[in-house]
Amino acid sequence: MKTLTAILLELYGLFVDDGALAVLALAVVALAALLAVGLHADGRVTGIVLVAGSVASLLFSVFRTKATRKSGS
């Protein structure tokens, strides 16, 4: 039971720990949805937006965390 609780807490932390990353991920998905449904963009364009936006969000999060740890140490 302790193992299951630890796993669930770790999964929860993945989604809640970095609020900025969660907001950026939602923004990327919203932009892709707007392109696909609202503007009837080609699927390739929507896919590129999703991939590029996801990578950019992750890079932003990594560099922000690195800067925070460097200044906090």
N, C-alpha and C. Protein backbone atom coordinates (compact mmCIF):
# COMPACT_ATOMS: atom_id res chain seq x y z
N MET A 1 0.82 -1.19 0.00
CA MET A 1 0.00 0.00 0.00
C MET A 1 0.87 1.26 0.00
N LYS A 2 1.98 1.22 0.74
CA LYS A 2 2.87 2.37 0.78
C LYS A 2 3.48 2.64 -0.60
N THR A 3 3.77 1.56 -1.31
CA THR A 3 4.35 1.72 -2.65
C THR A 3 3.35 2.37 -3.59
N LEU A 4 2.11 1.94 -3.53
CA LEU A 4 1.07 2.53 -4.38
C LEU A 4 0.88 4.00 -4.05
N THR A 5 0.88 4.35 -2.79
CA THR A 5 0.75 5.74 -2.37
C THR A 5 1.92 6.57 -2.88
N ALA A 6 3.12 6.02 -2.80
CA ALA A 6 4.31 6.73 -3.28
C ALA A 6 4.23 6.95 -4.79
N ILE A 7 3.77 5.95 -5.51
CA ILE A 7 3.64 6.07 -6.97
C ILE A 7 2.61 7.14 -7.32
N LEU A 8 1.47 7.11 -6.65
CA LEU A 8 0.43 8.10 -6.93
C LEU A 8 0.88 9.51 -6.59
N LEU A 9 1.60 9.67 -5.50
CA LEU A 9 2.13 10.99 -5.14
C LEU A 9 3.15 11.47 -6.16
N GLU A 10 3.96 10.57 -6.67
CA GLU A 10 4.94 10.93 -7.69
C GLU A 10 4.25 11.36 -8.98
N LEU A 11 3.22 10.63 -9.38
CA LEU A 11 2.45 11.02 -10.57
C LEU A 11 1.76 12.36 -10.36
N TYR A 12 1.21 12.57 -9.20
CA TYR A 12 0.58 13.86 -8.88
C TYR A 12 1.61 14.98 -8.98
N GLY A 13 2.80 14.75 -8.46
CA GLY A 13 3.85 15.75 -8.50
C GLY A 13 4.30 16.08 -9.92
N LEU A 14 4.23 15.10 -10.82
CA LEU A 14 4.60 15.36 -12.20
C LEU A 14 3.70 16.40 -12.85
N PHE A 15 2.43 16.39 -12.47
CA PHE A 15 1.48 17.30 -13.09
C PHE A 15 1.27 18.59 -12.32
N VAL A 16 1.53 18.60 -11.04
CA VAL A 16 1.20 19.75 -10.22
C VAL A 16 2.44 20.52 -9.77
N ASP A 17 3.57 19.86 -9.73
CA ASP A 17 4.78 20.47 -9.19
C ASP A 17 5.18 21.74 -9.91
N ASP A 18 5.15 21.74 -11.22
CA ASP A 18 5.55 22.90 -11.99
C ASP A 18 4.32 23.51 -12.65
N GLY A 19 3.77 24.51 -12.00
CA GLY A 19 2.56 25.14 -12.50
C GLY A 19 2.76 25.82 -13.84
N ALA A 20 3.92 26.43 -14.06
CA ALA A 20 4.19 27.10 -15.32
C ALA A 20 4.21 26.11 -16.48
N LEU A 21 4.78 24.95 -16.26
CA LEU A 21 4.81 23.93 -17.31
C LEU A 21 3.40 23.46 -17.64
N ALA A 22 2.58 23.29 -16.63
CA ALA A 22 1.20 22.86 -16.87
C ALA A 22 0.43 23.91 -17.66
N VAL A 23 0.63 25.18 -17.33
CA VAL A 23 -0.06 26.26 -18.05
C VAL A 23 0.43 26.33 -19.49
N LEU A 24 1.73 26.20 -19.69
CA LEU A 24 2.26 26.21 -21.05
C LEU A 24 1.75 25.04 -21.87
N ALA A 25 1.67 23.87 -21.26
CA ALA A 25 1.16 22.70 -21.97
C ALA A 25 -0.29 22.91 -22.38
N LEU A 26 -1.09 23.46 -21.49
CA LEU A 26 -2.49 23.75 -21.82
C LEU A 26 -2.60 24.80 -22.93
N ALA A 27 -1.72 25.78 -22.90
CA ALA A 27 -1.72 26.81 -23.94
C ALA A 27 -1.36 26.22 -25.30
N VAL A 28 -0.40 25.32 -25.33
CA VAL A 28 0.00 24.68 -26.58
C VAL A 28 -1.16 23.85 -27.14
N VAL A 29 -1.81 23.10 -26.28
CA VAL A 29 -2.94 22.27 -26.72
C VAL A 29 -4.09 23.16 -27.20
N ALA A 30 -4.35 24.26 -26.49
CA ALA A 30 -5.41 25.17 -26.89
C ALA A 30 -5.10 25.80 -28.24
N LEU A 31 -3.85 26.20 -28.46
CA LEU A 31 -3.47 26.77 -29.74
C LEU A 31 -3.63 25.76 -30.87
N ALA A 32 -3.22 24.54 -30.63
CA ALA A 32 -3.36 23.50 -31.65
C ALA A 32 -4.83 23.22 -31.94
N ALA A 33 -5.65 23.21 -30.90
CA ALA A 33 -7.09 23.00 -31.10
C ALA A 33 -7.71 24.15 -31.88
N LEU A 34 -7.29 25.36 -31.58
CA LEU A 34 -7.79 26.52 -32.32
C LEU A 34 -7.42 26.42 -33.78
N LEU A 35 -6.18 26.03 -34.04
CA LEU A 35 -5.75 25.88 -35.43
C LEU A 35 -6.54 24.79 -36.15
N ALA A 36 -6.69 23.65 -35.48
CA ALA A 36 -7.34 22.50 -36.12
C ALA A 36 -8.84 22.70 -36.31
N VAL A 37 -9.51 23.14 -35.26
CA VAL A 37 -10.97 23.23 -35.31
C VAL A 37 -11.44 24.60 -35.79
N GLY A 38 -10.85 25.64 -35.23
CA GLY A 38 -11.31 26.99 -35.55
C GLY A 38 -10.88 27.48 -36.91
N LEU A 39 -9.63 27.22 -37.27
CA LEU A 39 -9.09 27.74 -38.53
C LEU A 39 -8.95 26.68 -39.61
N HIS A 40 -9.32 25.44 -39.28
CA HIS A 40 -9.26 24.31 -40.22
C HIS A 40 -7.88 24.17 -40.86
N ALA A 41 -6.86 24.29 -40.02
CA ALA A 41 -5.48 24.15 -40.50
C ALA A 41 -5.19 22.70 -40.85
N ASP A 42 -4.21 22.52 -41.69
CA ASP A 42 -3.77 21.20 -42.10
C ASP A 42 -3.26 20.43 -40.87
N GLY A 43 -3.43 19.14 -40.88
CA GLY A 43 -3.00 18.31 -39.76
C GLY A 43 -1.51 18.39 -39.49
N ARG A 44 -0.73 18.57 -40.56
CA ARG A 44 0.72 18.69 -40.38
C ARG A 44 1.08 19.96 -39.63
N VAL A 45 0.38 21.04 -39.91
CA VAL A 45 0.63 22.30 -39.20
C VAL A 45 0.29 22.15 -37.73
N THR A 46 -0.84 21.54 -37.46
CA THR A 46 -1.25 21.31 -36.08
C THR A 46 -0.24 20.43 -35.35
N GLY A 47 0.23 19.40 -36.01
CA GLY A 47 1.23 18.52 -35.41
C GLY A 47 2.54 19.24 -35.13
N ILE A 48 2.96 20.07 -36.06
CA ILE A 48 4.19 20.84 -35.85
C ILE A 48 4.03 21.79 -34.68
N VAL A 49 2.88 22.42 -34.56
CA VAL A 49 2.63 23.32 -33.43
C VAL A 49 2.67 22.55 -32.12
N LEU A 50 2.07 21.37 -32.09
CA LEU A 50 2.09 20.55 -30.87
C LEU A 50 3.50 20.13 -30.49
N VAL A 51 4.26 19.64 -31.46
CA VAL A 51 5.61 19.17 -31.16
C VAL A 51 6.52 20.34 -30.78
N ALA A 52 6.52 21.38 -31.58
CA ALA A 52 7.39 22.53 -31.31
C ALA A 52 7.01 23.21 -29.99
N GLY A 53 5.72 23.35 -29.75
CA GLY A 53 5.27 23.97 -28.51
C GLY A 53 5.61 23.14 -27.29
N SER A 54 5.48 21.83 -27.42
CA SER A 54 5.83 20.94 -26.30
C SER A 54 7.32 20.99 -25.99
N VAL A 55 8.13 20.94 -27.03
CA VAL A 55 9.58 21.01 -26.83
C VAL A 55 9.97 22.36 -26.23
N ALA A 56 9.40 23.44 -26.75
CA ALA A 56 9.70 24.77 -26.22
C ALA A 56 9.28 24.89 -24.75
N SER A 57 8.13 24.33 -24.40
CA SER A 57 7.66 24.37 -23.01
C SER A 57 8.60 23.61 -22.09
N LEU A 58 9.03 22.44 -22.53
CA LEU A 58 9.96 21.64 -21.72
C LEU A 58 11.31 22.34 -21.56
N LEU A 59 11.82 22.92 -22.64
CA LEU A 59 13.08 23.64 -22.55
C LEU A 59 12.97 24.84 -21.61
N PHE A 60 11.87 25.57 -21.70
CA PHE A 60 11.64 26.70 -20.80
C PHE A 60 11.65 26.23 -19.35
N SER A 61 10.98 25.13 -19.09
CA SER A 61 10.91 24.60 -17.73
C SER A 61 12.28 24.16 -17.23
N VAL A 62 13.04 23.49 -18.09
CA VAL A 62 14.37 23.02 -17.69
C VAL A 62 15.30 24.19 -17.39
N PHE A 63 15.32 25.17 -18.27
CA PHE A 63 16.22 26.31 -18.06
C PHE A 63 15.79 27.15 -16.86
N ARG A 64 14.48 27.26 -16.64
CA ARG A 64 13.99 28.02 -15.48
C ARG A 64 14.37 27.30 -14.18
N THR A 65 14.23 25.98 -14.18
CA THR A 65 14.61 25.20 -13.00
C THR A 65 16.11 25.28 -12.75
N LYS A 66 16.89 25.21 -13.82
CA LYS A 66 18.34 25.30 -13.68
C LYS A 66 18.74 26.66 -13.12
N ALA A 67 18.14 27.73 -13.60
CA ALA A 67 18.46 29.07 -13.09
C ALA A 67 18.04 29.22 -11.64
N THR A 68 16.92 28.63 -11.28
CA THR A 68 16.43 28.72 -9.90
C THR A 68 17.36 27.97 -8.95
N ARG A 69 17.80 26.80 -9.35
CA ARG A 69 18.69 26.00 -8.51
C ARG A 69 20.07 26.64 -8.39
N LYS A 70 20.53 27.26 -9.48
CA LYS A 70 21.85 27.88 -9.47
C LYS A 70 21.85 29.11 -8.55
N SER A 71 20.79 29.91 -8.62
CA SER A 71 20.72 31.12 -7.78
C SER A 71 20.38 30.77 -6.32
N GLY A 72 19.69 29.65 -6.11
CA GLY A 72 19.32 29.25 -4.76
C GLY A 72 20.40 28.55 -4.01
N SER A 73 21.43 28.07 -4.70
CA SER A 73 22.51 27.31 -4.05
C SER A 73 23.55 28.18 -3.43
